[in-house]
Structure formats: C-alpha cells, structure tokens
Amino acid sequence: MLAILDTAVVHGLRGELVRVEVDISNGLPVFSIVGLPDTALSEARERVRGALRNTGFEYPLSRITVNLAPAHRRKSGAAYDVAIAVGILLANQQIRASGGPWALLGELSLDGSVRSVPGVLPMVATLQAAGHGRVCVPTASVDEAALVEGIEVVGVEGLDDVTRLIAGPGGRKAARAKRRTPIRVAGAVDRDEAATLALTDATELADLRGQEHARWALEVALAGRHNLLLVGPPGAGKTMLARAAPRLQPPLTEEEAREVAVIRSVSGLETSAAARRTRPFRAPHHTTSYAAMVGGGPRLRPGLVTQAHHGVLFLDELAEFDRHVLDALRQPLEDGAVEIVRAHGAVSYPARLQLIAAMNPCRCGWDGDTERQCRCPLREPERYRRRVSGPLLDRIDLRVVMPRLEPQALVALARPEPSPIVAQRIQAAWTVARERNQGLPNAALQGHRLLRACDLDAAARWALDELGQQLELTARGVHRTLRVARTIADLQGRSAVGEEELAAAAALRDRTFESAAAA
C-alpha cells in the first residue's frame, strides 16, 4: 500500500516542502530511499528499523520504497526519520490516520525517541505557508516552532507519541512500548525574563577604569553600527571593553528578530526567547577556518559572519587569524551579504554585521610602549601589523590605540558611567538615525542619502577636504568619516554635521597603525 506525508527541508535559509511517499509491496525484504538522499539520510533505514522494533511495532519484511519528492533537489539530514517511520506504519496498516493530516519533523533514535534537528523554524514556516494547520516536532523544538503564527505546534518525546497523534484513540495496534512523557503543546513564552539572561556574561562598563577615549569610540561605534579596531598592549582592557557591547546594543526590531531566529535555527543554535530580542555577539577563536567564518561545507551551512547578522562579530587577536580568513570579510563588510557557490548548489546568506576587533601592536605586545621595551626582532612589528590588509583596514571606520593603564587610574575613586546610562544615549541616537534614514543605521548610508543626512555647509565641506588630504583618505574613507561624524552629531543632538563633528570623527581614525600596516 501507499502512504503520503509532508515534511520539509532547509536550503540556505529557506525551507522547502518535501513529500514523503512510502510504498510497501510484495518481494524480497529491501528498504530503498530515492530522491537524492545524502549519507545521513541513507542511514535512516537503520534508525527507522531500530525505532520501530524498540517501540513495539512490527518491521514489515517486504519491499519498502521511500520517495522524497521533488526528486531533483538533493536531500540531507535526519529530519525525515519520523515521517518515514509513520509512513511505513500507515502503509503496513499498523495504524490508521484520523483527524486530518499532520506534517512531521524529527530525527529518530534507535529506542524510538525523537530528537531535535536544525532549521525547525524555517521548515515550520514553509509548512504553514503551504497550508498545513498542524505540525509535529520534537519537544525540544516546540518553543522555536511556536514563533511561527497560524499553525498548531505539538511536541513529542517518542515515536509512540507520534502514532497517538496520527491515529487517535483506537487507531493503532497494541504495542509493547510504555507511554512516554505527556505530549507538549506550544504555549506562551516569557520572552522578557529570558532575554535578560543572555547578557549576564557581558562586561559592565562601570567595572572598566580609564580608557575614556576608547569608551567613547565604542559608544560611537554602537550608535551608528560602525566597525571598530582596538590596538594596545596586553592588559589595556581591549577585550573587556569589546565584551561590554551586548549590554549597550539596542534590542532587535521585530523584523530583525525573525531574521536572526531563522539563522540561529538553521545553524543549530538555540532559538529561544533569550535570542528573540538580544543582538548576536559572536567571538570566535583565532584558529577559526575559512569555511567556519564565511559558511559553506558539504551542507552549505551559514558561517560566523551570518550568525552575527544584525549583531557584533568580535575578533580578538585580529592579526593571529589566517590572512585568507580576514580577507574573506571584505565582501560581507561592504555588501552585507555573502554568496557561496559550490558544484551542487549556491546560496546567499545575509551578513549585515558590525565588526569589533582587538589586537596587540606587535607579537610581543609592547611596541611603542613608553615603559617597556619591545622584544620583537627588527621590522617584526611592521610584518605583524601587515597581516591585516589595507583593504580590510579601510573598511574599519574607527581605529583607536589604547595605551597602558596607570595604577592610579585603576584605583580612582570616581566610578565610571554604568552600561545602562550609556545604552540610553546609544538608543536615543539609534532612534533618531533610524527615523531620519528610513530604518537604516548611519553605517549603511551611501551617496546622496549620506550627503542629505549630513547637511554640510561650506565650512564643513572645506574642513572635509582638508581632512581628506591630510589623512590621505580613499573615497571609501571619506564616506566612512562622514558616517562617523553623522553619528557623533546624533549623540550630541545636532541636526547637521559641522567642523567639530568631522574633527572628532578624524580623531577616532588613528593613522599611526594604518601607516605602519601599509608599510
């Protein structure tokens, strides 16, 4: 007999509908899966066979053919296990469907339990758009699937729970398996309480003494979503300052939250209430590979630049990253997207991220220090800084040198501003910029829109020309200086950009490191 059920697959960041057709006929006992399955999906034969037997059902000793349609699209992953197992039970008449169709998602264990799979959110959204009113997901994925409105979401612990949903009372043969945990139906989630838990590891600005210039640079960077580079000796507070960003960033808008939730779901990261409004903050180790940074791999998964979409990518020890990995950031920083092309497919991932980076001025960390001598060989500091290419450096709006902290600054009685006060100023400037720029941050302004937003008078245009010649700015450098000046004006409550804001923007673009890196 033939049984047909619906499930879904993830391609890029989109879900696509997949129809699971199960046919059981007379013949030698063979279990075939067709429809371009990958290795993990081909192994579903053994998972389904073990799950059926250990849940108390009979495994039919017949010819079993499973077709995954459409056949031209390559299928990967284990999200089809539950649909295949239920299709076998329906085709073998061990259960009878009642109460309308269900869409099924989940991976099976050999004991019959249902495990979560990546990409539940876009898959459920696809099923809802296709007209499905009910979907069965693993219990661990209920909160994630419940983010999709207009569809009933039910979580299950095991295959026996799924069969009770499909068949209803009296619609299945007796099985040896015991009843599992009660089936969970999606309900309301306390998002505000959970969202505060994601910020517990972030630095509180009041705990960071000194470095007022760098603190101001971080405030400007977050207010306009400008890229920031912090350079200084060990112990200057670079990492501590950068890790204050999660407490200072404005919450995600509703549209941004949906995009971030889909990316986290496809990436296999937790998609919960805590991630619903909090901007991403990704801080990879400097041994991160090219594929991990930009995405790709055999299944075309999003990389770190996409996981930091609408948030911050923090690269500590910037010069220790592989140069090919760093240069791969140039396109995402400029275009806000990364396109990955492979022989078996191509996908485009969003990557509107804010880069915050930190590094030492040389390998030993003490080049240029007034009290401690650099131990690097001659010209080694220049070679070390040249690991950050000029084109990448040109895409970093703010470059700040953080000097050694003096002991008296560390024990000063005056308490620095706490994060909530700074966050309020950033939020106010953010709101003004978004209203003026029709939803865009200052860092995304280009061309005539940037000039209209700055509203430069004759004196300011002359000052910008002087700065461009003194700093030897490229066209990109001029635009980025204007964007930073616009953000400074927003923080100070000014409607137009003047000479003072342009000078302040130039002061946040330290040229000492730039000239050394380009040497």
Protein backbone atom coordinates (compact mmCIF):
# COMPACT_ATOMS: atom_id res chain seq x y z
CA MET A 1 0.00 0.00 0.00
CA LEU A 2 0.97 3.64 -0.38
CA ALA A 3 1.20 6.32 2.33
CA ILE A 4 1.98 10.02 1.71
CA LEU A 5 3.07 12.55 4.32
CA ASP A 6 4.60 16.03 4.25
CA THR A 7 7.80 17.30 5.84
CA ALA A 8 10.33 19.98 4.89
CA VAL A 9 13.99 20.59 4.12
CA VAL A 10 16.24 23.64 4.57
CA HIS A 11 18.02 25.16 1.56
CA GLY A 12 20.13 28.14 2.54
CA LEU A 13 17.89 29.98 5.00
CA ARG A 14 14.63 28.94 3.34
CA GLY A 15 12.50 25.91 3.97
CA GLU A 16 11.22 23.80 1.08
CA LEU A 17 8.30 21.39 1.14
CA VAL A 18 9.16 17.69 0.77
CA ARG A 19 6.59 14.96 0.20
CA VAL A 20 7.44 11.55 1.68
CA GLU A 21 5.87 8.71 -0.32
CA VAL A 22 6.13 5.24 1.22
CA ASP A 23 5.18 2.14 -0.77
CA ILE A 24 5.15 -1.40 0.66
CA SER A 25 4.79 -4.24 -1.83
CA ASN A 26 5.46 -7.95 -2.08
CA GLY A 27 9.01 -9.01 -2.82
CA LEU A 28 12.35 -9.57 -1.19
CA PRO A 29 12.89 -7.54 2.03
CA VAL A 30 14.54 -4.37 0.70
CA PHE A 31 14.44 -0.83 2.11
CA SER A 32 15.21 1.75 -0.60
CA ILE A 33 15.27 5.55 -0.27
CA VAL A 34 15.22 7.53 -3.53
CA GLY A 35 15.17 11.25 -4.23
CA LEU A 36 18.89 12.18 -3.98
CA PRO A 37 19.47 11.36 -0.28
CA ASP A 38 22.83 12.10 1.35
CA THR A 39 24.71 9.68 3.65
CA ALA A 40 22.91 10.75 6.83
CA LEU A 41 19.55 10.30 5.13
CA SER A 42 20.51 6.93 3.63
CA GLU A 43 21.31 5.74 7.15
CA ALA A 44 17.69 6.47 8.10
CA ARG A 45 16.98 2.87 7.12
CA GLU A 46 18.75 1.56 10.22
CA ARG A 47 17.39 4.25 12.53
CA VAL A 48 13.81 3.66 11.41
CA ARG A 49 14.16 -0.13 11.60
CA GLY A 50 15.51 0.02 15.16
CA ALA A 51 12.98 2.62 16.30
CA LEU A 52 10.02 0.62 15.01
CA ARG A 53 11.14 -2.58 16.70
CA ASN A 54 12.09 -0.97 20.02
CA THR A 55 8.79 0.94 20.15
CA GLY A 56 6.83 -2.30 19.88
CA PHE A 57 5.78 -2.20 16.21
CA GLU A 58 6.43 -4.82 13.58
CA TYR A 59 9.00 -4.13 10.92
CA PRO A 60 7.47 -5.37 7.64
CA LEU A 61 9.55 -7.99 5.84
CA SER A 62 8.53 -6.69 2.43
CA ARG A 63 9.85 -4.41 -0.27
CA ILE A 64 9.81 -0.84 1.14
CA THR A 65 10.37 2.08 -1.21
CA VAL A 66 10.56 5.64 0.10
CA ASN A 67 10.47 8.50 -2.42
CA LEU A 68 11.34 12.04 -1.38
CA ALA A 69 9.77 14.49 -3.80
CA PRO A 70 10.75 16.64 -5.62
CA ALA A 71 13.37 14.21 -6.82
CA HIS A 72 15.67 16.80 -8.43
CA ARG A 73 16.53 18.51 -5.09
CA ARG A 74 19.28 16.90 -3.03
CA LYS A 75 18.07 15.89 0.47
CA SER A 76 20.27 15.97 3.55
CA GLY A 77 19.98 15.50 7.28
CA ALA A 78 17.82 13.33 9.51
CA ALA A 79 14.66 15.47 9.74
CA TYR A 80 12.73 12.94 7.61
CA ASP A 81 13.04 9.99 10.05
CA VAL A 82 9.69 10.46 11.79
CA ALA A 83 7.79 10.93 8.52
CA ILE A 84 9.40 7.81 7.02
CA ALA A 85 8.62 5.69 10.10
CA VAL A 86 4.99 6.85 10.28
CA GLY A 87 4.64 6.30 6.52
CA ILE A 88 5.74 2.68 6.95
CA LEU A 89 3.21 2.13 9.74
CA LEU A 90 0.41 3.63 7.65
CA ALA A 91 1.33 1.71 4.52
CA ASN A 92 1.58 -1.52 6.56
CA GLN A 93 -1.80 -0.75 8.20
CA GLN A 94 -0.41 -0.93 11.72
CA ILE A 95 -2.03 2.46 12.35
CA ARG A 96 -4.89 4.33 10.67
CA ALA A 97 -4.82 8.10 10.17
CA SER A 98 -7.65 10.06 11.74
CA GLY A 99 -8.46 13.71 12.29
CA GLY A 100 -6.76 15.22 9.23
CA PRO A 101 -3.15 15.37 8.01
CA TRP A 102 -0.11 16.15 10.15
CA ALA A 103 3.25 17.47 8.98
CA LEU A 104 6.11 15.66 10.72
CA LEU A 105 9.66 16.74 11.62
CA GLY A 106 12.30 14.99 13.71
CA GLU A 107 15.18 12.56 13.93
CA LEU A 108 14.70 9.10 15.44
CA SER A 109 16.93 7.32 17.94
CA LEU A 110 17.15 3.53 17.95
CA ASP A 111 15.00 3.44 21.10
CA GLY A 112 12.23 5.37 19.34
CA SER A 113 12.80 8.75 20.96
CA VAL A 114 12.52 11.85 18.76
CA ARG A 115 15.49 14.24 18.62
CA SER A 116 15.58 17.84 17.52
CA VAL A 117 17.04 18.88 14.14
CA PRO A 118 18.46 22.18 12.85
CA GLY A 119 16.25 24.50 10.85
CA VAL A 120 12.90 23.79 12.52
CA LEU A 121 11.81 27.44 12.33
CA PRO A 122 12.09 27.92 8.52
CA MET A 123 10.72 24.42 7.93
CA VAL A 124 7.61 25.09 10.05
CA ALA A 125 7.17 28.45 8.31
CA THR A 126 7.25 26.66 4.95
CA LEU A 127 4.68 24.10 6.07
CA GLN A 128 2.41 26.88 7.34
CA ALA A 129 2.71 28.74 4.03
CA ALA A 130 1.85 25.51 2.19
CA GLY A 131 -1.47 25.32 4.04
CA HIS A 132 -0.68 22.90 6.85
CA GLY A 133 -2.55 23.66 10.05
CA ARG A 134 -0.72 21.20 12.34
CA VAL A 135 2.87 20.13 12.72
CA CYS A 136 4.54 17.61 15.00
CA VAL A 137 8.05 18.49 16.19
CA PRO A 138 10.46 17.22 18.89
CA THR A 139 9.66 18.56 22.34
CA ALA A 140 12.97 20.41 22.46
CA SER A 141 11.93 22.41 19.38
CA VAL A 142 8.43 23.45 20.48
CA ASP A 143 9.36 26.98 21.58
CA GLU A 144 11.27 27.56 18.35
CA ALA A 145 8.42 26.28 16.15
CA ALA A 146 5.90 28.33 18.13
CA LEU A 147 7.48 31.51 16.74
CA VAL A 148 5.52 30.76 13.54
CA GLU A 149 1.96 32.01 13.83
CA GLY A 150 -1.06 30.37 12.26
CA ILE A 151 -0.11 26.73 12.79
CA GLU A 152 -0.69 24.34 15.69
CA VAL A 153 2.61 23.03 17.07
CA VAL A 154 2.76 19.83 19.12
CA GLY A 155 5.95 18.45 20.66
CA VAL A 156 6.56 14.73 21.13
CA GLU A 157 9.14 12.70 23.02
CA GLY A 158 8.96 9.47 21.02
CA LEU A 159 7.55 7.59 18.06
CA ASP A 160 4.72 6.17 20.17
CA ASP A 161 3.58 9.74 20.94
CA VAL A 162 3.55 10.49 17.21
CA THR A 163 1.38 7.47 16.45
CA ARG A 164 -1.15 8.50 19.10
CA LEU A 165 -1.43 11.89 17.40
CA ILE A 166 -1.79 10.41 13.93
CA ALA A 167 -4.11 7.52 14.77
CA GLY A 168 -6.04 8.83 17.75
CA PRO A 169 -7.67 6.52 20.33
CA GLY A 170 -8.12 3.01 18.98
CA GLY A 171 -6.42 3.79 15.68
CA ARG A 172 -3.30 1.68 16.25
CA LYS A 173 -2.46 -1.89 17.10
CA ALA A 174 -1.27 -2.73 20.59
CA ALA A 175 2.43 -2.11 21.16
CA ARG A 176 4.79 -3.20 23.89
CA ALA A 177 6.23 0.28 24.48
CA LYS A 178 5.30 2.19 27.62
CA ARG A 179 3.66 5.56 27.45
CA ARG A 180 6.20 8.37 27.37
CA THR A 181 6.13 11.87 28.77
CA PRO A 182 2.87 13.73 28.04
CA ILE A 183 2.73 15.42 24.66
CA ARG A 184 3.54 19.11 24.89
CA VAL A 185 1.54 21.76 23.04
CA ALA A 186 3.19 25.11 22.31
CA GLY A 187 2.23 27.85 24.69
CA ALA A 188 3.18 31.37 25.65
CA VAL A 189 6.81 32.13 26.49
CA ASP A 190 8.03 34.76 28.94
CA ARG A 191 10.37 36.43 26.49
CA ASP A 192 11.32 39.47 28.60
CA GLU A 193 12.56 37.40 31.55
CA ALA A 194 14.55 35.02 29.36
CA ALA A 195 16.07 37.81 27.29
CA THR A 196 17.81 39.28 30.33
CA LEU A 197 19.67 36.02 30.96
CA ALA A 198 21.66 36.32 27.73
CA LEU A 199 23.51 39.43 28.97
CA THR A 200 24.89 38.01 32.23
CA ASP A 201 28.35 37.34 30.79
CA ALA A 202 28.78 40.80 29.26
CA THR A 203 31.13 43.37 30.80
CA GLU A 204 29.64 46.15 32.90
CA LEU A 205 31.22 49.44 31.82
CA ALA A 206 31.40 50.64 35.41
CA ASP A 207 33.94 47.86 36.06
CA LEU A 208 36.30 49.22 33.38
CA ARG A 209 38.55 52.00 34.71
CA GLY A 210 40.24 54.57 32.50
CA GLN A 211 40.37 54.40 28.68
CA GLU A 212 37.84 57.23 28.24
CA HIS A 213 38.80 57.73 24.59
CA ALA A 214 38.22 54.05 23.79
CA ARG A 215 34.93 54.04 25.73
CA TRP A 216 33.77 56.99 23.64
CA ALA A 217 34.83 55.19 20.46
CA LEU A 218 32.77 52.12 21.47
CA GLU A 219 29.74 54.32 22.14
CA VAL A 220 30.04 55.98 18.73
CA ALA A 221 30.59 52.61 17.02
CA LEU A 222 27.49 51.02 18.56
CA ALA A 223 25.31 54.10 18.00
CA GLY A 224 25.97 54.01 14.24
CA ARG A 225 26.97 50.33 13.79
CA HIS A 226 30.47 51.33 12.68
CA ASN A 227 33.35 48.87 12.57
CA LEU A 228 35.92 49.35 15.35
CA LEU A 229 39.55 48.30 15.84
CA LEU A 230 41.19 48.49 19.27
CA VAL A 231 45.01 48.36 19.37
CA GLY A 232 47.06 48.26 22.55
CA PRO A 233 49.45 46.32 24.79
CA PRO A 234 48.35 43.31 26.86
CA GLY A 235 46.18 44.26 29.81
CA ALA A 236 45.00 47.58 28.39
CA GLY A 237 41.34 46.44 28.53
CA LYS A 238 40.67 45.81 24.82
CA THR A 239 38.81 42.53 25.25
CA MET A 240 36.98 43.72 28.36
CA LEU A 241 35.76 46.84 26.56
CA ALA A 242 34.61 44.92 23.48
CA ARG A 243 32.67 42.45 25.62
CA ALA A 244 30.62 45.33 27.01
CA ALA A 245 28.84 45.60 23.63
CA PRO A 246 25.97 43.15 24.39
CA ARG A 247 24.75 45.36 27.27
CA LEU A 248 24.89 48.50 25.13
CA GLN A 249 23.24 47.43 21.87
CA PRO A 250 19.61 48.35 21.24
CA PRO A 251 17.23 45.37 21.09
CA LEU A 252 16.35 43.78 17.78
CA THR A 253 13.33 45.06 15.91
CA GLU A 254 10.56 42.56 15.16
CA GLU A 255 11.74 42.09 11.58
CA GLU A 256 15.39 41.72 12.63
CA ALA A 257 14.40 39.24 15.33
CA ARG A 258 12.70 37.00 12.76
CA GLU A 259 15.79 37.02 10.53
CA VAL A 260 18.12 36.24 13.43
CA ALA A 261 15.85 33.45 14.68
CA VAL A 262 15.91 31.75 11.26
CA ILE A 263 19.71 31.97 11.09
CA ARG A 264 20.11 30.50 14.58
CA SER A 265 17.67 27.73 13.75
CA VAL A 266 19.46 26.71 10.54
CA SER A 267 22.84 26.94 12.31
CA GLY A 268 21.70 24.56 15.02
CA LEU A 269 21.97 27.23 17.73
CA GLU A 270 19.44 27.73 20.49
CA THR A 271 16.43 29.62 19.21
CA SER A 272 14.62 30.66 22.35
CA ALA A 273 13.16 33.71 24.00
CA ALA A 274 16.64 34.78 25.12
CA ALA A 275 17.72 35.09 21.49
CA ARG A 276 14.48 36.72 20.36
CA ARG A 277 15.40 40.35 21.13
CA THR A 278 19.10 40.20 22.00
CA ARG A 279 21.52 41.08 19.22
CA PRO A 280 24.02 38.33 18.35
CA PHE A 281 27.55 38.58 19.70
CA ARG A 282 29.95 36.05 18.18
CA ALA A 283 33.57 35.83 19.36
CA PRO A 284 35.42 33.02 17.53
CA HIS A 285 38.94 31.80 18.33
CA HIS A 286 41.73 32.93 16.02
CA THR A 287 42.15 29.36 14.71
CA THR A 288 38.72 29.58 13.02
CA SER A 289 38.76 28.19 9.48
CA TYR A 290 37.70 29.90 6.26
CA ALA A 291 34.54 27.79 5.91
CA ALA A 292 33.55 28.37 9.53
CA MET A 293 33.90 32.12 9.09
CA VAL A 294 32.04 32.69 5.79
CA GLY A 295 29.98 29.49 5.64
CA GLY A 296 29.88 26.54 3.30
CA GLY A 297 30.92 22.99 3.94
CA PRO A 298 29.30 19.90 2.43
CA ARG A 299 25.80 21.02 3.53
CA LEU A 300 26.18 24.78 2.85
CA ARG A 301 25.66 25.97 6.40
CA PRO A 302 25.83 29.64 7.50
CA GLY A 303 29.17 30.87 8.81
CA LEU A 304 30.03 33.20 11.66
CA VAL A 305 29.51 36.32 9.54
CA THR A 306 25.91 35.25 9.01
CA GLN A 307 25.42 34.17 12.62
CA ALA A 308 26.47 37.73 13.58
CA HIS A 309 23.83 39.26 11.26
CA HIS A 310 22.31 42.37 12.94
CA GLY A 311 24.85 41.93 15.74
CA VAL A 312 28.57 42.03 16.51
CA LEU A 313 31.42 39.83 15.32
CA PHE A 314 34.28 40.26 17.79
CA LEU A 315 37.70 39.13 16.58
CA ASP A 316 40.20 39.14 19.43
CA GLU A 317 43.88 38.89 18.47
CA LEU A 318 42.97 40.03 14.95
CA ALA A 319 46.45 39.61 13.46
CA GLU A 320 46.59 35.97 14.61
CA PHE A 321 43.73 34.98 12.26
CA ASP A 322 44.70 33.44 8.95
CA ARG A 323 45.04 36.18 6.35
CA HIS A 324 42.70 34.39 3.91
CA VAL A 325 40.05 34.28 6.64
CA LEU A 326 40.42 38.02 7.30
CA ASP A 327 40.31 38.96 3.62
CA ALA A 328 37.12 36.91 3.27
CA LEU A 329 35.46 39.53 5.49
CA ARG A 330 35.91 42.28 2.93
CA GLN A 331 32.81 41.46 0.86
CA PRO A 332 30.43 40.95 3.83
CA LEU A 333 31.58 44.19 5.45
CA GLU A 334 30.94 46.11 2.23
CA ASP A 335 27.87 44.37 0.78
CA GLY A 336 26.17 42.98 3.89
CA ALA A 337 25.87 39.54 2.29
CA VAL A 338 27.99 36.56 1.31
CA GLU A 339 27.31 34.31 -1.67
CA ILE A 340 28.63 30.75 -1.57
CA VAL A 341 28.82 28.76 -4.79
CA ARG A 342 29.55 25.04 -4.83
CA ALA A 343 29.27 22.36 -7.51
CA HIS A 344 25.98 21.08 -6.05
CA GLY A 345 24.36 24.44 -5.31
CA ALA A 346 24.64 28.11 -4.47
CA VAL A 347 23.19 30.12 -1.60
CA SER A 348 23.29 33.74 -0.49
CA TYR A 349 23.42 34.47 3.23
CA PRO A 350 22.81 37.87 4.86
CA ALA A 351 25.77 39.29 6.78
CA ARG A 352 24.96 42.83 7.94
CA LEU A 353 27.32 42.61 10.87
CA GLN A 354 29.33 45.07 12.92
CA LEU A 355 32.99 44.15 13.30
CA ILE A 356 34.79 44.88 16.56
CA ALA A 357 38.41 43.73 16.57
CA ALA A 358 41.28 43.90 19.02
CA MET A 359 44.99 43.25 18.58
CA ASN A 360 48.43 43.93 20.02
CA PRO A 361 50.74 46.34 18.20
CA CYS A 362 53.30 43.54 17.69
CA ARG A 363 53.81 39.89 18.51
CA CYS A 364 55.23 40.53 21.98
CA GLY A 365 52.68 43.29 22.52
CA TRP A 366 54.92 46.15 23.66
CA ASP A 367 55.87 48.03 20.50
CA GLY A 368 55.56 51.76 21.14
CA ASP A 369 55.14 51.39 24.91
CA THR A 370 56.80 54.18 26.89
CA GLU A 371 57.94 52.00 29.80
CA ARG A 372 58.51 48.51 28.45
CA GLN A 373 60.82 47.66 25.58
CA CYS A 374 59.61 45.64 22.59
CA ARG A 375 61.37 42.26 22.31
CA CYS A 376 60.48 41.61 18.67
CA PRO A 377 63.24 41.45 16.01
CA LEU A 378 63.83 44.44 13.76
CA ARG A 379 60.87 45.17 11.45
CA GLU A 380 58.88 42.32 13.01
CA PRO A 381 56.19 44.73 14.37
CA GLU A 382 55.58 46.02 10.83
CA ARG A 383 55.33 42.49 9.44
CA TYR A 384 52.93 41.57 12.23
CA ARG A 385 50.64 44.53 11.53
CA ARG A 386 50.71 43.87 7.79
CA ARG A 387 48.79 40.65 8.48
CA VAL A 388 45.76 42.96 8.44
CA SER A 389 45.50 44.02 4.81
CA GLY A 390 44.99 47.61 3.70
CA PRO A 391 41.60 46.94 2.01
CA LEU A 392 40.26 45.35 5.20
CA LEU A 393 41.64 48.17 7.31
CA ASP A 394 39.97 50.70 5.00
CA ARG A 395 36.60 49.12 5.88
CA ILE A 396 37.12 49.77 9.59
CA ASP A 397 35.64 53.16 10.48
CA LEU A 398 37.15 53.65 13.94
CA ARG A 399 40.73 52.80 14.92
CA VAL A 400 41.71 53.54 18.48
CA VAL A 401 45.02 53.00 20.29
CA MET A 402 44.54 52.04 23.95
CA PRO A 403 47.66 52.88 26.00
CA ARG A 404 48.89 51.17 29.12
CA LEU A 405 46.72 51.93 32.16
CA GLU A 406 48.45 53.75 35.01
CA PRO A 407 47.94 52.31 38.54
CA GLN A 408 46.24 55.48 39.78
CA ALA A 409 43.58 55.12 37.05
CA LEU A 410 42.77 51.62 38.25
CA VAL A 411 42.20 52.69 41.86
CA ALA A 412 40.47 56.02 41.16
CA LEU A 413 37.53 56.76 43.44
CA ALA A 414 35.34 58.21 40.68
CA ARG A 415 33.11 55.45 39.34
CA PRO A 416 32.79 55.37 35.52
CA GLU A 417 29.41 55.58 33.84
CA PRO A 418 27.50 52.29 34.07
CA SER A 419 26.27 50.47 30.99
CA PRO A 420 22.54 51.43 31.34
CA ILE A 421 23.29 55.17 31.06
CA VAL A 422 25.50 54.72 28.01
CA ALA A 423 22.95 52.35 26.49
CA GLN A 424 20.25 55.03 26.81
CA ARG A 425 22.34 57.51 24.81
CA ILE A 426 23.05 54.88 22.17
CA GLN A 427 19.35 54.00 21.96
CA ALA A 428 18.38 57.68 21.57
CA ALA A 429 20.92 58.27 18.78
CA TRP A 430 19.91 54.98 17.17
CA THR A 431 16.24 56.00 17.13
CA VAL A 432 16.97 59.41 15.61
CA ALA A 433 19.15 57.88 12.89
CA ARG A 434 16.61 55.18 12.01
CA GLU A 435 13.79 57.69 11.70
CA ARG A 436 15.86 60.01 9.50
CA ASN A 437 17.38 57.20 7.38
CA GLN A 438 14.14 55.25 6.90
CA GLY A 439 15.24 52.29 9.01
CA LEU A 440 18.94 52.26 8.13
CA PRO A 441 21.81 52.82 10.58
CA ASN A 442 24.31 55.55 9.76
CA ALA A 443 26.92 52.97 8.74
CA ALA A 444 24.68 51.87 5.84
CA LEU A 445 24.22 55.33 4.30
CA GLN A 446 25.63 55.89 0.82
CA GLY A 447 25.78 58.52 -1.93
CA HIS A 448 23.18 61.28 -1.98
CA ARG A 449 21.37 59.87 1.04
CA LEU A 450 24.55 60.26 3.11
CA LEU A 451 25.08 63.86 1.93
CA ARG A 452 21.46 64.77 2.67
CA ALA A 453 21.73 63.27 6.15
CA CYS A 454 24.94 65.20 6.92
CA ASP A 455 23.68 68.56 5.52
CA LEU A 456 27.19 70.03 5.25
CA ASP A 457 27.64 73.77 5.00
CA ALA A 458 30.50 75.48 3.14
CA ALA A 459 32.82 75.47 6.17
CA ALA A 460 32.21 71.80 6.81
CA ARG A 461 32.87 70.91 3.15
CA TRP A 462 36.17 72.82 3.30
CA ALA A 463 37.10 71.03 6.55
CA LEU A 464 36.29 67.64 5.00
CA ASP A 465 38.52 68.45 2.01
CA GLU A 466 41.38 69.35 4.34
CA LEU A 467 40.93 66.16 6.37
CA GLY A 468 40.84 64.04 3.23
CA GLN A 469 44.18 65.45 2.08
CA GLN A 470 45.85 65.25 5.49
CA LEU A 471 44.73 61.68 6.18
CA GLU A 472 45.09 60.58 2.54
CA LEU A 473 41.56 59.18 2.62
CA THR A 474 40.22 57.00 -0.15
CA ALA A 475 36.69 57.57 -1.44
CA ARG A 476 35.53 54.85 0.95
CA GLY A 477 37.45 56.55 3.76
CA VAL A 478 35.72 59.89 3.08
CA HIS A 479 32.29 58.25 3.21
CA ARG A 480 33.11 56.39 6.41
CA THR A 481 34.39 59.56 8.05
CA LEU A 482 31.13 61.29 7.12
CA ARG A 483 29.09 58.43 8.58
CA VAL A 484 31.00 58.57 11.86
CA ALA A 485 30.59 62.36 12.01
CA ARG A 486 26.85 61.92 11.44
CA THR A 487 26.68 59.50 14.39
CA ILE A 488 28.62 61.89 16.64
CA ALA A 489 26.15 64.66 15.73
CA ASP A 490 23.25 62.32 16.61
CA LEU A 491 24.80 61.57 20.01
CA GLN A 492 25.13 65.31 20.65
CA GLY A 493 21.60 66.09 19.42
CA ARG A 494 22.64 68.14 16.37
CA SER A 495 20.72 68.10 13.12
CA ALA A 496 23.68 68.87 10.82
CA VAL A 497 27.31 67.76 10.65
CA GLY A 498 29.81 70.57 11.25
CA GLU A 499 33.54 71.06 11.53
CA GLU A 500 33.56 69.88 15.17
CA GLU A 501 31.96 66.53 14.32
CA LEU A 502 34.30 65.99 11.37
CA ALA A 503 37.33 66.68 13.55
CA ALA A 504 36.02 64.28 16.20
CA ALA A 505 35.48 61.59 13.55
CA ALA A 506 39.03 62.08 12.28
CA ALA A 507 40.37 61.79 15.84
CA LEU A 508 38.72 58.36 16.11
CA ARG A 509 40.54 57.18 12.97
CA ASP A 510 44.08 56.74 14.31
CA ARG A 511 46.54 56.83 11.43
CA THR A 512 49.63 55.57 13.25
CA PHE A 513 48.58 51.95 12.92
CA GLU A 514 47.34 52.50 9.35
CA SER A 515 50.66 53.82 8.10
CA ALA A 516 52.58 51.05 9.86
CA ALA A 517 50.29 48.35 8.46
CA ALA A 518 50.63 49.72 4.94
CA ALA A 519 54.43 49.96 5.14
